[in-house]
Structures are given as structure tokens and as C-alpha cells.
Amino acid sequence: MMHMYKPKQTIAITPGTIVFITFFLLSLYFVFYVRAVVTLLFLSFLIMVALNPIVTFLNKNLRFPRMWAALVVYLITLSGIGLLIALVVPPLTSEVYLLIKNVSLPAEIQTELNNFRFNLTNITNVIDRLGSSAGVVFSLITSTFSGVFTLFTLIVVSFYLMLERYNLYKKIYWLTDNKHYHQLAEDFVNALELRLGGWVRGQLVLMLVIGTVTYVGLRLLNIPYALPLAVLAGLLEIVPNVGPTLASIPAIIVAYLVFGPVVAGLVTLFYVLVQQLENNLIVPKIMKDSANVNPLVAIVIILVGITVGGVVGALLSVPIYIVLRTIYSFWIKERGSKPLA
């Protein structure tokens, strides 16, 4: 019996392929090298997509020029954040300070905390203990100015992105003149705004609602340090399922130490009730279906984000996942296939 042998297939590597691969690898290296700038641009884009619906409403319904509409929205947002900080930070600082004082610490540290007063002399002494060299003070000052400059840059870049929102897709003209890809780019930016913006706004509202409900509940139960415990619950809400459970632990411990096991049990029941309300009522009501992320997927990608980029990686992990998911859905749509289940 004769066997039919198929001719061997050869893969030709053309000079164009080598140039493309080299360019692609250099581009990846460049993006990694300027990752701080890329992160700032991504954060600016998140702010823009979160505020754009309000700006668009003022622009189209109330006939505000887009620049003035954006300016009004940004001023109101920054004023609201400033007011919230002014109302929350002083009592929060006071309660956290009292909580630290009442925690069992070594006698020497406890004595210093009890005698500590927030004044210029004591703050200066603390700085002196951190390090007598001018380098420590200089590092503190430069990091503060760097943070302020980064925040200012973030606001300015997001403001200009807001003004250019409906022209962003036109940047593809740099790559191609094909009208099909121009329309695809416009649809992609619109979908990204819908999903990312919905997630950001929903997450902020969810954190505020959970924090407020937790504060009211703890106050009704007469649990001390309700404000810092509620703020912790609101912040940890960004981690689905695991966050509320972690937030309940310090509240239960405080209730047990102050009032005993009965009140600690009531606090446990309260947090279980809040989590059930969150999962079955609050989350479905607030979070948009277009930006819905499976809780298990969210936990995994947040853990990956923490491993790769620390706190910033954890905060940006879900938005990056939404971007990648949107890119995937458009790639599937372009290929004329259905996404995998």
C-alpha cells in the first residue's frame, strides 16, 4: 500500500513581519516605560465617562455651551467632594484617634497617645523622631507637591477629554481613512462610556449607600466609632462579597469588647442583613446591566490587580477588565461570531 505524503508547509517570515513584530515589542516596552502617564490618562478617562452624561444633559437640554456645562459640573463635583471632606474628616479623625487610644497597646505608647495633643510642637516632635535629616523633610514635601500636581493634572486632562469627547473616535484618522473603521471606533467609544461610566457611577453610589446604611445602623445600636467603621464598610464595598465581610470584623470586635457577646451577635446579624439587602436589592437597582461584572470574576481580577500594581492595580483592575471585555465583544462582532459562553 502506498502512503500519500503531504508536502511540508513552510512559514515564510518576510521583512515586513519582522518589522511589525519589532515595532509591536518596542511599543509594549514604551507603554510599560510610561505606565504612570498611561495610568493618569486612564483615570482621566474614567472621570470623563462618569461625568459626561450630566454635561451632555446640560448641553442638549438646557442649551449650555459644552465648555460651560463641563465647567459647572466640575465645579459642583469638586465643591461637593470638598464639603464631604470637611464634614467627615474632623469627626473621623477624632473617632479614629479615640479608637487607637482605647486599643490595648504597650504602656509607653499608650501614655504618649493619652498625652498627645494636635499642636505645632507635638507635630514637630513627631517629624523629628521620624528622622533628623533634611532628606526626610524634603521627601515629605516633594511627595506632597507631587500628589497635588498629579491631582491637578488629572482634573485638567479629564476636563479636556470632556471637551473632546465626541471627537475622540476621529483620532483613528491617524491610522486609516476607511469609513467602516471610523464608525467602529465611534461605536466602541460610545459602548466604553456606557459600560465604564455606568460602573463608576454605580460603584460610587453603592459605596455611599452602604456607608450611610452602616453608619445609621451602628448608631441605632449605639456602637462606638460608628463613623470610621461605616467609612471602612463603604470603601471595602469595591471588593464584592469579600469586602462587606471584612468590614464587619472590626465592628463585631468593638461591639464585643464594649458591650459583650449579645450586642456583638446583633451587630453580626445587622451586617448579614445589610449584605443580603445589598446582593438582592441595592446592587441590582444601582449597578447597570451593561457594566455588570460577575462577583467571582471581580474578586479574581482584583487579586491579580493587587499582585501586579498594589492599591492602584486593585482600583483599576475592574475598569481594565471592562475595557478588555468591550474590546473582545467588538472583535467578536467584527468577525461575525457570537461570544463564548
Protein backbone atom coordinates (compact mmCIF):
# COMPACT_ATOMS: atom_id res chain seq x y z
CA MET A 1 0.00 0.00 0.00
CA MET A 2 1.35 3.34 -0.97
CA HIS A 3 1.22 6.16 1.51
CA MET A 4 0.42 9.64 0.36
CA TYR A 5 2.76 12.19 1.85
CA LYS A 6 1.62 15.74 2.08
CA PRO A 7 4.21 18.31 1.27
CA LYS A 8 5.60 20.12 4.30
CA GLN A 9 4.14 23.53 4.89
CA THR A 10 6.62 26.30 5.30
CA ILE A 11 6.09 29.57 7.10
CA ALA A 12 7.67 32.48 5.35
CA ILE A 13 8.90 35.28 7.57
CA THR A 14 9.03 38.38 5.48
CA PRO A 15 10.97 41.55 6.35
CA GLY A 16 7.59 43.24 6.87
CA THR A 17 6.67 40.65 9.55
CA ILE A 18 9.97 41.23 11.35
CA VAL A 19 9.45 44.99 11.26
CA PHE A 20 5.88 44.60 12.62
CA ILE A 21 6.94 42.30 15.48
CA THR A 22 9.84 44.60 16.38
CA PHE A 23 7.57 47.64 16.32
CA PHE A 24 4.96 45.82 18.45
CA LEU A 25 7.52 44.79 21.10
CA LEU A 26 9.01 48.29 21.20
CA SER A 27 5.50 49.71 21.60
CA LEU A 28 4.84 47.39 24.55
CA TYR A 29 8.11 48.45 26.15
CA PHE A 30 7.30 52.11 25.59
CA VAL A 31 3.84 51.71 27.18
CA PHE A 32 5.43 49.97 30.17
CA TYR A 33 8.08 52.69 30.43
CA VAL A 34 5.44 55.46 30.51
CA ARG A 35 2.92 53.43 32.54
CA ALA A 36 2.48 56.29 35.01
CA VAL A 37 1.28 58.54 32.18
CA VAL A 38 -0.96 55.76 30.81
CA THR A 39 -2.46 55.28 34.29
CA LEU A 40 -3.12 59.01 34.60
CA LEU A 41 -4.81 59.08 31.17
CA PHE A 42 -6.95 56.07 32.08
CA LEU A 43 -8.03 57.68 35.37
CA SER A 44 -8.84 60.89 33.48
CA PHE A 45 -10.95 58.89 31.04
CA LEU A 46 -12.81 57.27 33.95
CA ILE A 47 -13.64 60.69 35.39
CA MET A 48 -14.77 61.90 31.98
CA VAL A 49 -17.12 58.98 31.27
CA ALA A 50 -18.60 59.24 34.78
CA LEU A 51 -19.47 62.95 34.42
CA ASN A 52 -20.23 63.12 30.70
CA PRO A 53 -23.97 62.25 30.93
CA ILE A 54 -24.55 65.26 33.20
CA VAL A 55 -22.55 67.54 30.91
CA THR A 56 -24.44 66.23 27.88
CA PHE A 57 -27.78 66.85 29.63
CA LEU A 58 -26.86 70.46 30.38
CA ASN A 59 -25.56 70.91 26.86
CA LYS A 60 -28.51 69.43 24.97
CA ASN A 61 -31.48 70.06 27.25
CA LEU A 62 -30.59 73.35 28.92
CA ARG A 63 -28.61 74.74 25.96
CA PHE A 64 -25.41 75.29 27.94
CA PRO A 65 -22.30 75.58 25.75
CA ARG A 66 -20.35 72.36 26.30
CA MET A 67 -17.35 74.12 27.85
CA TRP A 68 -19.53 75.97 30.36
CA ALA A 69 -21.53 72.84 31.09
CA ALA A 70 -18.31 70.92 31.81
CA LEU A 71 -17.00 73.77 33.95
CA VAL A 72 -20.22 73.89 36.01
CA VAL A 73 -20.25 70.11 36.54
CA TYR A 74 -16.59 70.04 37.56
CA LEU A 75 -17.01 72.95 39.99
CA ILE A 76 -20.08 71.35 41.58
CA THR A 77 -18.33 67.97 41.83
CA LEU A 78 -15.17 69.41 43.39
CA SER A 79 -17.23 71.56 45.76
CA GLY A 80 -19.26 68.52 46.81
CA ILE A 81 -16.12 66.49 47.45
CA GLY A 82 -14.61 69.36 49.45
CA LEU A 83 -17.79 69.72 51.52
CA LEU A 84 -17.92 66.00 52.17
CA ILE A 85 -14.29 66.00 53.31
CA ALA A 86 -14.91 69.00 55.57
CA LEU A 87 -17.91 67.30 57.17
CA VAL A 88 -16.46 63.79 57.52
CA VAL A 89 -12.70 64.15 58.13
CA PRO A 90 -12.74 66.05 61.50
CA PRO A 91 -15.11 63.62 63.31
CA LEU A 92 -13.48 60.69 61.51
CA THR A 93 -10.03 61.75 62.71
CA SER A 94 -11.32 62.23 66.23
CA GLU A 95 -13.00 58.82 66.40
CA VAL A 96 -10.03 57.01 64.87
CA TYR A 97 -7.77 58.72 67.40
CA LEU A 98 -10.04 57.65 70.29
CA LEU A 99 -10.19 54.11 68.89
CA ILE A 100 -6.39 53.87 68.75
CA LYS A 101 -6.12 55.26 72.30
CA ASN A 102 -8.50 52.64 73.66
CA VAL A 103 -6.80 49.70 71.94
CA SER A 104 -4.51 47.69 74.21
CA LEU A 105 -1.01 48.93 73.44
CA PRO A 106 2.28 48.85 75.33
CA ALA A 107 2.19 51.17 78.35
CA GLU A 108 4.81 53.57 76.95
CA ILE A 109 2.94 54.06 73.64
CA GLN A 110 -0.42 54.31 75.45
CA THR A 111 0.94 57.06 77.72
CA GLU A 112 2.25 59.05 74.77
CA LEU A 113 -1.09 58.73 72.94
CA ASN A 114 -3.03 59.86 76.01
CA ASN A 115 -0.78 62.88 76.42
CA PHE A 116 -0.64 63.72 72.71
CA ARG A 117 -2.30 66.92 71.55
CA PHE A 118 -2.60 68.11 67.97
CA ASN A 119 -0.42 71.21 68.05
CA LEU A 120 2.64 72.51 66.24
CA THR A 121 5.09 71.44 68.96
CA ASN A 122 3.93 67.81 69.10
CA ILE A 123 3.75 67.51 65.30
CA THR A 124 7.30 68.90 65.08
CA ASN A 125 8.50 66.34 67.66
CA VAL A 126 6.93 63.52 65.64
CA ILE A 127 8.70 64.72 62.50
CA ASP A 128 11.98 64.91 64.45
CA ARG A 129 11.53 61.31 65.60
CA LEU A 130 10.92 60.16 62.06
CA GLY A 131 14.32 61.44 61.11
CA SER A 132 16.52 64.39 61.85
CA SER A 133 17.98 64.61 58.38
CA ALA A 134 16.75 67.19 55.92
CA GLY A 135 16.21 64.40 53.41
CA VAL A 136 13.15 63.10 55.28
CA VAL A 137 11.52 66.53 55.36
CA PHE A 138 12.44 67.19 51.73
CA SER A 139 10.98 63.81 50.69
CA LEU A 140 7.76 64.59 52.57
CA ILE A 141 7.43 68.00 50.91
CA THR A 142 8.21 66.75 47.40
CA SER A 143 5.77 63.83 47.71
CA THR A 144 3.04 66.23 48.85
CA PHE A 145 3.64 68.60 45.93
CA SER A 146 3.86 65.64 43.57
CA GLY A 147 0.46 64.39 44.77
CA VAL A 148 -1.11 67.84 44.39
CA PHE A 149 0.39 68.25 40.91
CA THR A 150 -0.84 64.79 39.86
CA LEU A 151 -4.35 65.57 41.11
CA PHE A 152 -4.39 68.90 39.29
CA THR A 153 -3.13 67.24 36.10
CA LEU A 154 -5.80 64.55 36.43
CA ILE A 155 -8.57 67.15 36.64
CA VAL A 156 -7.21 69.22 33.74
CA VAL A 157 -6.71 66.21 31.43
CA SER A 158 -10.18 64.83 32.19
CA PHE A 159 -11.66 68.29 31.55
CA TYR A 160 -10.06 68.48 28.10
CA LEU A 161 -11.14 64.91 27.37
CA MET A 162 -14.66 66.03 28.25
CA LEU A 163 -14.47 68.88 25.74
CA GLU A 164 -13.16 66.49 23.06
CA ARG A 165 -15.49 63.62 23.98
CA TYR A 166 -17.33 63.45 20.64
CA ASN A 167 -14.15 63.85 18.62
CA LEU A 168 -12.13 61.12 20.31
CA TYR A 169 -13.02 58.45 17.77
CA LYS A 170 -11.72 60.69 14.97
CA LYS A 171 -8.16 60.08 16.18
CA ILE A 172 -8.31 56.88 14.16
CA TYR A 173 -7.77 59.09 11.09
CA TRP A 174 -4.10 58.88 12.05
CA LEU A 175 -4.20 55.16 11.18
CA THR A 176 -6.76 54.72 8.39
CA ASP A 177 -9.22 56.57 6.16
CA ASN A 178 -11.61 53.61 5.98
CA LYS A 179 -15.11 54.86 6.95
CA HIS A 180 -16.04 51.43 8.30
CA TYR A 181 -13.34 51.62 10.95
CA HIS A 182 -14.29 55.20 11.79
CA GLN A 183 -17.85 54.05 12.56
CA LEU A 184 -16.50 51.08 14.52
CA ALA A 185 -14.28 53.40 16.57
CA GLU A 186 -17.23 55.69 17.35
CA ASP A 187 -19.39 52.74 18.43
CA PHE A 188 -16.54 51.43 20.57
CA VAL A 189 -16.05 54.74 22.43
CA ASN A 190 -19.82 55.01 22.99
CA ALA A 191 -20.01 51.45 24.35
CA LEU A 192 -16.97 52.05 26.55
CA GLU A 193 -18.56 55.18 28.01
CA LEU A 194 -21.82 53.34 28.68
CA ARG A 195 -20.15 50.41 30.47
CA LEU A 196 -17.30 52.18 32.24
CA GLY A 197 -19.35 55.22 33.16
CA GLY A 198 -22.17 53.04 34.45
CA TRP A 199 -19.76 51.04 36.58
CA VAL A 200 -18.00 54.10 38.05
CA ARG A 201 -21.23 55.95 38.91
CA GLY A 202 -22.87 52.80 40.22
CA GLN A 203 -19.86 51.91 42.36
CA LEU A 204 -19.68 55.39 43.91
CA VAL A 205 -23.40 55.40 44.70
CA LEU A 206 -23.16 51.87 46.09
CA MET A 207 -20.26 52.82 48.38
CA LEU A 208 -22.15 55.90 49.60
CA VAL A 209 -25.37 53.94 50.24
CA ILE A 210 -23.63 51.09 52.10
CA GLY A 211 -21.56 53.53 54.16
CA THR A 212 -24.66 55.55 55.10
CA VAL A 213 -26.77 52.49 55.94
CA THR A 214 -23.94 51.05 58.04
CA TYR A 215 -23.48 54.34 59.92
CA VAL A 216 -27.20 54.66 60.71
CA GLY A 217 -27.42 51.03 61.83
CA LEU A 218 -24.37 51.24 64.09
CA ARG A 219 -25.62 54.48 65.60
CA LEU A 220 -29.01 52.90 66.35
CA LEU A 221 -27.19 50.00 68.03
CA ASN A 222 -25.14 52.60 69.96
CA ILE A 223 -21.85 51.12 68.74
CA PRO A 224 -18.90 53.49 69.33
CA TYR A 225 -16.69 54.65 66.46
CA ALA A 226 -19.61 54.26 64.03
CA LEU A 227 -18.20 56.76 61.54
CA PRO A 228 -14.80 55.12 60.86
CA LEU A 229 -16.47 51.69 60.78
CA ALA A 230 -19.03 52.98 58.26
CA VAL A 231 -16.34 54.62 56.12
CA LEU A 232 -14.44 51.31 56.13
CA ALA A 233 -17.60 49.48 55.02
CA GLY A 234 -18.13 51.96 52.18
CA LEU A 235 -14.54 51.74 50.96
CA LEU A 236 -14.42 47.94 51.08
CA GLU A 237 -17.61 47.81 49.04
CA ILE A 238 -15.37 47.99 45.97
CA VAL A 239 -14.48 44.32 46.67
CA PRO A 240 -17.69 42.32 46.08
CA ASN A 241 -18.81 39.80 48.72
CA VAL A 242 -15.43 39.73 50.49
CA GLY A 243 -15.40 43.49 51.26
CA PRO A 244 -18.59 43.59 53.41
CA THR A 245 -17.43 40.52 55.33
CA LEU A 246 -14.05 42.09 56.08
CA ALA A 247 -15.75 45.36 57.10
CA SER A 248 -17.93 43.55 59.63
CA ILE A 249 -15.00 42.07 61.60
CA PRO A 250 -13.77 45.25 63.37
CA ALA A 251 -17.37 46.31 64.14
CA ILE A 252 -18.11 42.93 65.74
CA ILE A 253 -14.87 43.09 67.74
CA VAL A 254 -15.65 46.61 69.00
CA ALA A 255 -19.21 45.58 69.97
CA TYR A 256 -17.91 42.50 71.80
CA LEU A 257 -15.25 44.42 73.72
CA VAL A 258 -17.60 47.22 74.74
CA PHE A 259 -20.98 45.50 75.29
CA GLY A 260 -20.37 41.76 75.23
CA PRO A 261 -21.48 38.81 73.10
CA VAL A 262 -25.20 39.71 72.86
CA VAL A 263 -24.62 43.06 71.16
CA ALA A 264 -21.83 41.53 69.08
CA GLY A 265 -24.38 39.00 67.84
CA LEU A 266 -26.80 41.82 66.97
CA VAL A 267 -24.05 43.60 65.02
CA THR A 268 -23.32 40.35 63.16
CA LEU A 269 -26.99 40.00 62.24
CA PHE A 270 -27.05 43.63 61.12
CA TYR A 271 -24.11 43.14 58.74
CA VAL A 272 -25.66 39.92 57.39
CA LEU A 273 -28.90 41.85 56.76
CA VAL A 274 -27.02 44.67 55.01
CA GLN A 275 -25.19 42.16 52.80
CA GLN A 276 -28.45 40.42 51.87
CA LEU A 277 -30.09 43.75 51.03
CA GLU A 278 -27.03 44.68 49.01
CA ASN A 279 -26.96 41.46 46.98
CA ASN A 280 -30.70 41.20 46.35
CA LEU A 281 -31.91 44.81 46.20
CA ILE A 282 -29.26 47.55 46.24
CA VAL A 283 -26.76 46.16 43.72
CA PRO A 284 -29.36 45.16 41.07
CA LYS A 285 -31.06 48.54 41.47
CA ILE A 286 -27.92 50.69 41.24
CA MET A 287 -25.49 48.82 39.00
CA LYS A 288 -26.30 48.87 35.31
CA ASP A 289 -26.59 45.57 33.45
CA SER A 290 -24.21 46.82 30.76
CA ALA A 291 -21.40 47.14 33.31
CA ASN A 292 -22.33 44.08 35.38
CA VAL A 293 -19.30 42.08 36.47
CA ASN A 294 -19.61 38.62 37.97
CA PRO A 295 -18.57 38.77 41.68
CA LEU A 296 -16.22 35.78 41.37
CA VAL A 297 -14.55 37.31 38.30
CA ALA A 298 -14.26 40.64 40.15
CA ILE A 299 -12.57 39.02 43.15
CA VAL A 300 -10.05 37.19 40.96
CA ILE A 301 -9.12 40.24 38.86
CA ILE A 302 -8.85 42.44 41.97
CA LEU A 303 -6.42 39.92 43.49
CA VAL A 304 -4.45 39.95 40.24
CA GLY A 305 -4.51 43.76 40.31
CA ILE A 306 -3.16 43.83 43.86
CA THR A 307 -0.37 41.43 42.90
CA VAL A 308 0.62 43.39 39.81
CA GLY A 309 0.06 47.00 40.84
CA GLY A 310 -0.72 47.19 44.55
CA VAL A 311 -3.53 49.52 45.63
CA VAL A 312 -3.66 51.31 42.26
CA GLY A 313 -3.79 47.95 40.48
CA ALA A 314 -6.69 46.84 42.68
CA LEU A 315 -8.64 50.04 41.98
CA LEU A 316 -8.09 49.87 38.22
CA SER A 317 -8.46 46.11 37.78
CA VAL A 318 -12.24 46.05 37.23
CA PRO A 319 -12.28 49.06 34.83
CA ILE A 320 -9.43 47.49 32.83
CA TYR A 321 -11.38 44.23 32.70
CA ILE A 322 -14.44 46.14 31.39
CA VAL A 323 -12.27 47.73 28.68
CA LEU A 324 -10.82 44.34 27.65
CA ARG A 325 -14.29 42.80 27.67
CA THR A 326 -15.58 45.60 25.43
CA ILE A 327 -12.64 45.14 23.04
CA TYR A 328 -13.35 41.40 22.94
CA SER A 329 -17.06 41.92 22.22
CA PHE A 330 -16.25 44.30 19.35
CA TRP A 331 -13.66 41.88 17.99
CA ILE A 332 -16.26 39.09 18.02
CA LYS A 333 -18.80 41.41 16.40
CA GLU A 334 -16.30 42.35 13.69
CA ARG A 335 -15.63 38.66 12.98
CA GLY A 336 -19.36 37.98 12.78
CA SER A 337 -19.31 35.39 15.58
CA LYS A 338 -21.02 35.08 18.92
CA PRO A 339 -19.04 35.48 22.18
CA LEU A 340 -18.12 32.35 24.05
CA ALA A 341 -20.41 31.48 26.95
